[in-house]
Amino acid sequence: VALDPTIESITKFLFQYKQGGIRQITILV
């Protein structure tokens, strides 16, 4: 089952956040 593009993006975003990707998040914001 293919996930919705938006949901997939959010999932990757949360995954990076859990991995400590705060720097990447700051850049995206």
PDB file of N, CA and C in Angstrom:
ATOM      1  N   VAL A   1       0.849  -1.207   0.000  1.00  0.00           N
ATOM      2  CA  VAL A   1       0.000   0.000   0.000  1.00  0.00           C
ATOM      3  C   VAL A   1       0.878   1.248   0.000  1.00  0.00           C
ATOM      4  N   ALA A   2       0.736   2.072  -1.006  1.00  0.00           N
ATOM      5  CA  ALA A   2       1.541   3.290  -1.105  1.00  0.00           C
ATOM      6  C   ALA A   2       0.968   4.368  -0.193  1.00  0.00           C
ATOM      7  N   LEU A   3       1.871   5.005   0.557  1.00  0.00           N
ATOM      8  CA  LEU A   3       1.416   6.059   1.460  1.00  0.00           C
ATOM      9  C   LEU A   3       1.182   7.353   0.708  1.00  0.00           C
ATOM     10  N   ASP A   4       0.341   8.204   1.275  1.00  0.00           N
ATOM     11  CA  ASP A   4       0.079   9.507   0.663  1.00  0.00           C
ATOM     12  C   ASP A   4       1.367  10.331   0.692  1.00  0.00           C
ATOM     13  N   PRO A   5       1.722  11.003  -0.396  1.00  0.00           N
ATOM     14  CA  PRO A   5       2.957  11.808  -0.460  1.00  0.00           C
ATOM     15  C   PRO A   5       3.128  12.709   0.755  1.00  0.00           C
ATOM     16  N   THR A   6       2.036  13.350   1.172  1.00  0.00           N
ATOM     17  CA  THR A   6       2.116  14.249   2.325  1.00  0.00           C
ATOM     18  C   THR A   6       2.443  13.469   3.590  1.00  0.00           C
ATOM     19  N   ILE A   7       1.749  12.355   3.797  1.00  0.00           N
ATOM     20  CA  ILE A   7       1.981  11.532   4.986  1.00  0.00           C
ATOM     21  C   ILE A   7       3.411  10.999   4.986  1.00  0.00           C
ATOM     22  N   GLU A   8       3.877  10.595   3.799  1.00  0.00           N
ATOM     23  CA  GLU A   8       5.239  10.059   3.701  1.00  0.00           C
ATOM     24  C   GLU A   8       6.254  11.135   4.060  1.00  0.00           C
ATOM     25  N   SER A   9       5.998  12.355   3.585  1.00  0.00           N
ATOM     26  CA  SER A   9       6.916  13.465   3.874  1.00  0.00           C
ATOM     27  C   SER A   9       6.950  13.744   5.367  1.00  0.00           C
ATOM     28  N   ILE A  10       5.761  13.732   5.987  1.00  0.00           N
ATOM     29  CA  ILE A  10       5.680  13.990   7.430  1.00  0.00           C
ATOM     30  C   ILE A  10       6.404  12.878   8.188  1.00  0.00           C
ATOM     31  N   THR A  11       6.234  11.646   7.729  1.00  0.00           N
ATOM     32  CA  THR A  11       6.888  10.513   8.383  1.00  0.00           C
ATOM     33  C   THR A  11       8.396  10.672   8.344  1.00  0.00           C
ATOM     34  N   LYS A  12       8.920  11.053   7.168  1.00  0.00           N
ATOM     35  CA  LYS A  12      10.366  11.249   7.034  1.00  0.00           C
ATOM     36  C   LYS A  12      10.815  12.402   7.919  1.00  0.00           C
ATOM     37  N   PHE A  13       9.978  13.442   7.988  1.00  0.00           N
ATOM     38  CA  PHE A  13      10.315  14.606   8.799  1.00  0.00           C
ATOM     39  C   PHE A  13      10.419  14.206  10.265  1.00  0.00           C
ATOM     40  N   LEU A  14       9.432  13.448  10.749  1.00  0.00           N
ATOM     41  CA  LEU A  14       9.446  13.010  12.142  1.00  0.00           C
ATOM     42  C   LEU A  14      10.615  12.069  12.389  1.00  0.00           C
ATOM     43  N   PHE A  15      10.924  11.232  11.402  1.00  0.00           N
ATOM     44  CA  PHE A  15      12.025  10.284  11.549  1.00  0.00           C
ATOM     45  C   PHE A  15      13.333  11.034  11.728  1.00  0.00           C
ATOM     46  N   GLN A  16      13.563  12.056  10.879  1.00  0.00           N
ATOM     47  CA  GLN A  16      14.782  12.848  10.985  1.00  0.00           C
ATOM     48  C   GLN A  16      14.816  13.579  12.320  1.00  0.00           C
ATOM     49  N   TYR A  17      13.648  14.029  12.797  1.00  0.00           N
ATOM     50  CA  TYR A  17      13.573  14.747  14.064  1.00  0.00           C
ATOM     51  C   TYR A  17      14.005  13.827  15.202  1.00  0.00           C
ATOM     52  N   LYS A  18      13.530  12.565  15.152  1.00  0.00           N
ATOM     53  CA  LYS A  18      13.909  11.596  16.186  1.00  0.00           C
ATOM     54  C   LYS A  18      15.394  11.277  16.104  1.00  0.00           C
ATOM     55  N   GLN A  19      15.957  11.355  14.903  1.00  0.00           N
ATOM     56  CA  GLN A  19      17.374  11.064  14.716  1.00  0.00           C
ATOM     57  C   GLN A  19      18.233  12.251  15.136  1.00  0.00           C
ATOM     58  N   GLY A  20      17.574  13.340  15.559  1.00  0.00           N
ATOM     59  CA  GLY A  20      18.333  14.509  16.016  1.00  0.00           C
ATOM     60  C   GLY A  20      18.639  15.446  14.861  1.00  0.00           C
ATOM     61  N   GLY A  21      17.770  15.443  13.839  1.00  0.00           N
ATOM     62  CA  GLY A  21      17.994  16.306  12.689  1.00  0.00           C
ATOM     63  C   GLY A  21      17.459  17.704  12.928  1.00  0.00           C
ATOM     64  N   ILE A  22      17.756  18.249  14.127  1.00  0.00           N
ATOM     65  CA  ILE A  22      17.255  19.581  14.469  1.00  0.00           C
ATOM     66  C   ILE A  22      17.827  20.624  13.512  1.00  0.00           C
ATOM     67  N   ARG A  23      19.085  20.457  13.135  1.00  0.00           N
ATOM     68  CA  ARG A  23      19.731  21.419  12.235  1.00  0.00           C
ATOM     69  C   ARG A  23      19.004  21.471  10.895  1.00  0.00           C
ATOM     70  N   GLN A  24      18.658  20.294  10.367  1.00  0.00           N
ATOM     71  CA  GLN A  24      17.958  20.235   9.078  1.00  0.00           C
ATOM     72  C   GLN A  24      16.591  20.892   9.200  1.00  0.00           C
ATOM     73  N   ILE A  25      15.923  20.646  10.324  1.00  0.00           N
ATOM     74  CA  ILE A  25      14.595  21.229  10.548  1.00  0.00           C
ATOM     75  C   ILE A  25      14.690  22.749  10.583  1.00  0.00           C
ATOM     76  N   THR A  26      15.712  23.260  11.248  1.00  0.00           N
ATOM     77  CA  THR A  26      15.887  24.708  11.340  1.00  0.00           C
ATOM     78  C   THR A  26      16.046  25.304   9.953  1.00  0.00           C
ATOM     79  N   ILE A  27      16.794  24.608   9.094  1.00  0.00           N
ATOM     80  CA  ILE A  27      17.014  25.088   7.729  1.00  0.00           C
ATOM     81  C   ILE A  27      15.701  25.074   6.955  1.00  0.00           C
ATOM     82  N   LEU A  28      14.921  24.011   7.137  1.00  0.00           N
ATOM     83  CA  LEU A  28      13.643  23.905   6.428  1.00  0.00           C
ATOM     84  C   LEU A  28      12.698  25.007   6.876  1.00  0.00           C
ATOM     85  N   VAL A  29      12.763  25.360   8.155  1.00  0.00           N
ATOM     86  CA  VAL A  29      11.900  26.426   8.679  1.00  0.00           C
ATOM     87  C   VAL A  29      12.527  27.752   8.322  1.00  0.00           C
TER      88      VAL A  29
END
